[in-house]
């Protein structure tokens, strides 16, 4: 597959931080932010506030996965392992 890591800088709770995610996670995060009518930065701020001790990049990946699971199999664009 070979999805490279993309590093982006965002401001969370008044400080700048860099987040490294694979491009499909950035795309899904953009889609979710659009669905929720918030900025990506605001969405990341919500995830950050709820993550506890979990690494922020990991927390974002888990958040995206859970949202895709809630949306159901027909809404996601995830290929089956046999594709």
Protein backbone atom coordinates (compact mmCIF):
# COMPACT_ATOMS: atom_id res chain seq x y z
CA UNK A 1 0.00 0.00 0.00
CA UNK A 2 2.71 2.48 1.00
CA UNK A 3 0.87 5.44 2.54
CA UNK A 4 3.49 7.88 3.75
CA UNK A 5 3.33 9.84 6.95
CA UNK A 6 2.32 13.48 6.59
CA UNK A 7 3.31 15.88 9.37
CA UNK A 8 1.15 18.95 9.99
CA UNK A 9 1.35 21.68 12.58
CA UNK A 10 -1.77 22.74 14.51
CA UNK A 11 -2.55 24.92 17.51
CA UNK A 12 -4.23 23.10 20.39
CA UNK A 13 -5.19 24.80 23.66
CA UNK A 14 -3.02 27.78 22.78
CA UNK A 15 0.17 25.93 21.83
CA UNK A 16 1.51 24.66 18.50
CA UNK A 17 2.21 20.99 18.01
CA UNK A 18 3.04 18.73 15.10
CA UNK A 19 0.94 15.69 14.29
CA UNK A 20 2.11 12.85 12.05
CA UNK A 21 -0.57 10.76 10.34
CA UNK A 22 -0.91 8.81 7.14
CA UNK A 23 -2.70 10.78 4.40
CA UNK A 24 -5.87 8.60 4.51
CA UNK A 25 -6.30 9.58 8.18
CA UNK A 26 -5.91 13.28 7.31
CA UNK A 27 -8.52 12.85 4.57
CA UNK A 28 -10.94 11.08 6.92
CA UNK A 29 -10.35 13.74 9.58
CA UNK A 30 -11.20 16.46 7.03
CA UNK A 31 -14.39 14.61 6.08
CA UNK A 32 -15.44 14.21 9.72
CA UNK A 33 -14.73 17.89 10.46
CA UNK A 34 -16.87 18.85 7.48
CA UNK A 35 -19.71 16.56 8.61
CA UNK A 36 -19.54 18.07 12.10
CA UNK A 37 -19.28 21.63 10.71
CA UNK A 38 -16.06 22.36 12.62
CA UNK A 39 -12.49 23.08 11.60
CA UNK A 40 -9.93 20.29 11.62
CA UNK A 41 -8.12 22.20 14.35
CA UNK A 42 -11.28 22.31 16.51
CA UNK A 43 -11.90 18.60 15.93
CA UNK A 44 -8.31 17.77 16.91
CA UNK A 45 -8.79 19.95 20.01
CA UNK A 46 -11.81 17.83 21.00
CA UNK A 47 -9.87 14.62 20.46
CA UNK A 48 -6.95 16.02 22.47
CA UNK A 49 -9.21 16.98 25.38
CA UNK A 50 -10.68 13.46 25.56
CA UNK A 51 -7.54 11.37 24.98
CA UNK A 52 -6.16 11.09 28.51
CA UNK A 53 -2.62 9.70 28.43
CA UNK A 54 -2.88 8.30 24.90
CA UNK A 55 -0.53 9.62 22.20
CA UNK A 56 -2.35 12.27 20.12
CA UNK A 57 -1.66 10.65 16.75
CA UNK A 58 -2.93 7.33 18.08
CA UNK A 59 -5.98 8.99 19.61
CA UNK A 60 -6.80 10.55 16.23
CA UNK A 61 -6.47 7.20 14.44
CA UNK A 62 -8.75 5.50 16.97
CA UNK A 63 -11.26 8.36 16.74
CA UNK A 64 -11.36 8.08 12.94
CA UNK A 65 -11.72 4.29 13.11
CA UNK A 66 -14.61 4.54 15.59
CA UNK A 67 -16.42 7.11 13.45
CA UNK A 68 -16.06 4.90 10.38
CA UNK A 69 -17.37 1.93 12.34
CA UNK A 70 -20.35 3.97 13.57
CA UNK A 71 -21.11 5.04 10.00
CA UNK A 72 -21.45 1.40 8.95
CA UNK A 73 -19.84 -0.68 6.24
CA UNK A 74 -21.65 0.98 3.32
CA UNK A 75 -20.36 4.46 4.24
CA UNK A 76 -16.65 3.68 4.45
CA UNK A 77 -14.29 3.33 1.55
CA UNK A 78 -12.24 0.60 3.16
CA UNK A 79 -11.22 -2.20 0.82
CA UNK A 80 -11.70 -5.74 2.01
CA UNK A 81 -8.48 -7.69 2.75
CA UNK A 82 -9.07 -9.85 -0.33
CA UNK A 83 -9.33 -6.88 -2.75
